[in-house]
Amino acid sequence: MEQYNVTGMSCAACSARVEKAVSKVPGVASCSVSLLTNSMGVEGTASSAEIIKAVQDAGYGASPKAAGAAAASSPSADLDALADHETPKLKRRLIASLGFLLVLMYFSMGHMMWGWPLPHWFDGNHVAMGLVQLLLAGSSTRSSSSAASRACSTAPPTWTHWWRWVLRPAFSGAPTPCSP
């Protein structure tokens, strides 16, 4: 059984997607993927290049595991593998999300709860208020553009259906929260 390191998996759906992609490669008898160890075992006659290409086509990374002590890596490579690469990205996303949240809270609730002034063009303009809120909420839910992160994302694309919330009340005659 050949062993591979697999990168980019974050959930059970990711490991199932990798296993399904590798199982379709001609010459693969069986494949087992471990999310816990980010590894994969493959039995069969398929070449390593075909298996790695299948994993990369699924949106993940793969490399063959080193065989025993003969292929021991350097200490700097070991330290780089242990380095935390995700936390700085998550910190930047958190700070950006908090920024969007503060602006969204100002436009959504600031004038009602704390008496903060709104720009004059928002006075009675519910369409503009709704569009600003939806655009801010939609921009904070979008994630990175890799295939793996899009497949695992559960956030609804708020910005794609803004017209349902804005136009339906306007044309149906339904009262809005601020209208008499």
Protein backbone atom coordinates (compact mmCIF):
# COMPACT_ATOMS: atom_id res chain seq x y z
CA MET A 1 0.00 0.00 0.00
CA GLU A 2 1.39 3.38 -1.03
CA GLN A 3 1.02 6.21 1.50
CA TYR A 4 0.44 9.87 0.61
CA ASN A 5 0.17 13.13 2.52
CA VAL A 6 -2.98 15.06 1.61
CA THR A 7 -3.31 18.80 2.29
CA GLY A 8 -6.31 21.11 2.26
CA MET A 9 -8.89 18.78 3.83
CA SER A 10 -10.99 20.32 6.59
CA CYS A 11 -14.09 18.13 6.92
CA ALA A 12 -15.48 14.66 6.24
CA ALA A 13 -16.87 15.82 2.89
CA CYS A 14 -13.36 16.80 1.82
CA SER A 15 -11.93 13.37 2.66
CA ALA A 16 -14.84 11.66 0.89
CA ARG A 17 -14.25 13.84 -2.19
CA VAL A 18 -10.54 12.88 -2.25
CA GLU A 19 -11.35 9.19 -1.79
CA LYS A 20 -13.93 9.28 -4.58
CA ALA A 21 -11.56 11.07 -6.97
CA VAL A 22 -8.70 8.62 -6.35
CA SER A 23 -10.98 5.59 -6.59
CA LYS A 24 -11.91 6.64 -10.15
CA VAL A 25 -8.27 6.45 -11.30
CA PRO A 26 -7.71 3.35 -13.47
CA GLY A 27 -5.61 0.79 -11.63
CA VAL A 28 -6.65 1.77 -8.10
CA ALA A 29 -7.94 -1.26 -6.19
CA SER A 30 -8.75 0.50 -2.93
CA CYS A 31 -8.25 3.88 -1.31
CA SER A 32 -8.63 4.99 2.28
CA VAL A 33 -8.32 8.61 3.39
CA SER A 34 -7.77 9.71 6.99
CA LEU A 35 -8.86 13.24 7.84
CA LEU A 36 -7.26 13.00 11.28
CA THR A 37 -3.74 12.36 9.96
CA ASN A 38 -4.21 14.07 6.56
CA SER A 39 -3.00 10.92 4.86
CA MET A 40 -4.17 8.46 2.26
CA GLY A 41 -3.37 4.83 1.53
CA VAL A 42 -3.78 3.51 -2.01
CA GLU A 43 -3.57 -0.08 -3.25
CA GLY A 44 -3.30 -0.90 -6.91
CA THR A 45 -1.17 -0.52 -9.98
CA ALA A 46 -1.81 3.19 -10.69
CA SER A 47 1.23 5.45 -10.81
CA SER A 48 1.90 8.06 -8.16
CA ALA A 49 1.63 10.85 -10.72
CA GLU A 50 -1.91 9.79 -11.72
CA ILE A 51 -3.01 9.59 -8.08
CA ILE A 52 -1.52 12.99 -7.21
CA LYS A 53 -3.12 14.53 -10.32
CA ALA A 54 -6.53 13.15 -9.30
CA VAL A 55 -6.18 14.67 -5.83
CA GLN A 56 -5.09 18.01 -7.28
CA ASP A 57 -7.98 18.00 -9.76
CA ALA A 58 -10.32 17.57 -6.78
CA GLY A 59 -8.90 20.79 -5.31
CA TYR A 60 -6.46 19.42 -2.73
CA GLY A 61 -2.72 18.80 -2.49
CA ALA A 62 -0.93 15.46 -2.30
CA SER A 63 2.61 14.16 -2.04
CA PRO A 64 4.05 10.69 -1.48
CA LYS A 65 5.12 9.95 2.09
CA ALA A 66 8.82 9.43 2.68
CA ALA A 67 9.75 5.75 2.99
CA GLY A 68 11.47 5.05 6.31
CA ALA A 69 14.61 6.65 7.68
CA ALA A 70 16.34 6.75 4.29
CA ALA A 71 14.16 9.63 3.19
CA ALA A 72 14.32 11.63 6.42
CA SER A 73 13.70 15.32 5.86
CA SER A 74 15.79 18.22 7.09
CA PRO A 75 14.98 19.90 10.42
CA SER A 76 14.01 23.14 8.66
CA ALA A 77 11.46 21.27 6.53
CA ASP A 78 10.06 19.67 9.68
CA LEU A 79 9.74 23.07 11.37
CA ASP A 80 8.06 24.53 8.29
CA ALA A 81 5.56 21.65 8.27
CA LEU A 82 4.74 22.34 11.92
CA ALA A 83 4.40 26.12 11.46
CA ASP A 84 0.95 27.61 11.81
CA HIS A 85 -0.09 29.03 8.44
CA GLU A 86 -3.85 29.26 9.04
CA THR A 87 -4.02 31.47 12.14
CA PRO A 88 -2.76 34.67 10.43
CA LYS A 89 -5.32 34.20 7.65
CA LEU A 90 -8.09 33.62 10.17
CA LYS A 91 -7.03 36.72 12.15
CA ARG A 92 -7.23 38.88 9.01
CA ARG A 93 -10.68 37.48 8.19
CA LEU A 94 -11.85 38.09 11.76
CA ILE A 95 -10.69 41.71 11.72
CA ALA A 96 -12.35 42.31 8.33
CA SER A 97 -15.57 40.70 9.56
CA LEU A 98 -15.58 42.86 12.67
CA GLY A 99 -15.11 45.94 10.51
CA PHE A 100 -18.08 44.97 8.35
CA LEU A 101 -20.09 44.20 11.49
CA LEU A 102 -19.46 47.64 12.99
CA VAL A 103 -20.51 49.42 9.80
CA LEU A 104 -23.54 47.15 9.42
CA MET A 105 -24.59 47.75 13.03
CA TYR A 106 -24.25 51.51 12.53
CA PHE A 107 -26.57 51.50 9.53
CA SER A 108 -28.96 48.88 10.87
CA MET A 109 -29.39 49.69 14.54
CA GLY A 110 -27.41 52.79 15.45
CA HIS A 111 -30.17 55.28 14.68
CA MET A 112 -32.76 53.25 16.62
CA MET A 113 -30.81 52.17 19.70
CA TRP A 114 -28.30 54.92 20.31
CA GLY A 115 -29.73 57.84 18.36
CA TRP A 116 -26.73 58.08 16.05
CA PRO A 117 -27.35 60.23 12.97
CA LEU A 118 -27.70 58.60 9.55
CA PRO A 119 -26.77 60.22 6.23
CA HIS A 120 -29.66 62.33 4.92
CA TRP A 121 -30.16 60.14 1.85
CA PHE A 122 -31.23 57.25 4.13
CA ASP A 123 -34.19 59.22 5.54
CA GLY A 124 -37.25 57.29 4.38
CA ASN A 125 -35.24 55.45 1.71
CA HIS A 126 -35.80 51.83 2.70
CA VAL A 127 -34.43 50.48 -0.58
CA ALA A 128 -31.04 52.13 -0.01
CA MET A 129 -30.99 50.95 3.61
CA GLY A 130 -31.80 47.38 2.55
CA LEU A 131 -29.19 47.36 -0.22
CA VAL A 132 -26.45 48.64 2.08
CA GLN A 133 -27.31 46.03 4.71
CA LEU A 134 -27.44 43.18 2.19
CA LEU A 135 -24.22 44.19 0.48
CA LEU A 136 -22.39 44.43 3.80
CA ALA A 137 -23.81 41.12 5.04
CA GLY A 138 -23.03 39.41 1.73
CA SER A 139 -19.47 40.68 1.57
CA SER A 140 -18.71 39.36 5.05
CA THR A 141 -20.01 35.84 4.26
CA ARG A 142 -17.98 35.30 1.11
CA SER A 143 -14.99 33.02 1.56
CA SER A 144 -11.86 32.36 -0.46
CA SER A 145 -12.12 31.24 -4.05
CA SER A 146 -10.60 27.75 -3.90
CA ALA A 147 -12.78 24.84 -4.95
CA ALA A 148 -12.38 23.12 -1.60
CA SER A 149 -13.53 26.11 0.42
CA ARG A 150 -16.50 26.74 -1.90
CA ALA A 151 -17.56 23.11 -1.55
CA CYS A 152 -17.42 23.24 2.26
CA SER A 153 -19.01 26.67 2.64
CA THR A 154 -22.42 26.68 4.28
CA ALA A 155 -22.98 30.44 4.17
CA PRO A 156 -25.89 31.44 1.93
CA PRO A 157 -25.08 33.86 -0.89
CA THR A 158 -27.12 36.74 0.57
CA TRP A 159 -26.18 39.25 -2.10
CA THR A 160 -27.59 37.16 -4.99
CA HIS A 161 -31.25 37.49 -3.99
CA TRP A 162 -31.41 41.07 -2.73
CA TRP A 163 -34.25 41.89 -5.10
CA ARG A 164 -36.61 39.45 -3.35
CA TRP A 165 -36.41 41.38 -0.07
CA VAL A 166 -36.39 44.84 -1.58
CA LEU A 167 -38.88 44.65 -4.45
CA ARG A 168 -41.50 42.22 -3.08
CA PRO A 169 -42.62 44.46 -0.17
CA ALA A 170 -42.44 47.54 -2.39
CA PHE A 171 -44.80 46.14 -5.04
CA SER A 172 -47.06 43.99 -2.90
CA GLY A 173 -48.25 46.86 -0.75
CA ALA A 174 -47.03 45.16 2.39
CA PRO A 175 -46.21 47.63 5.15
CA THR A 176 -42.56 48.08 6.00
CA PRO A 177 -41.40 48.45 9.61
CA CYS A 178 -41.00 52.23 9.27
CA SER A 179 -44.13 53.02 7.24
CA PRO A 180 -47.51 53.85 8.82
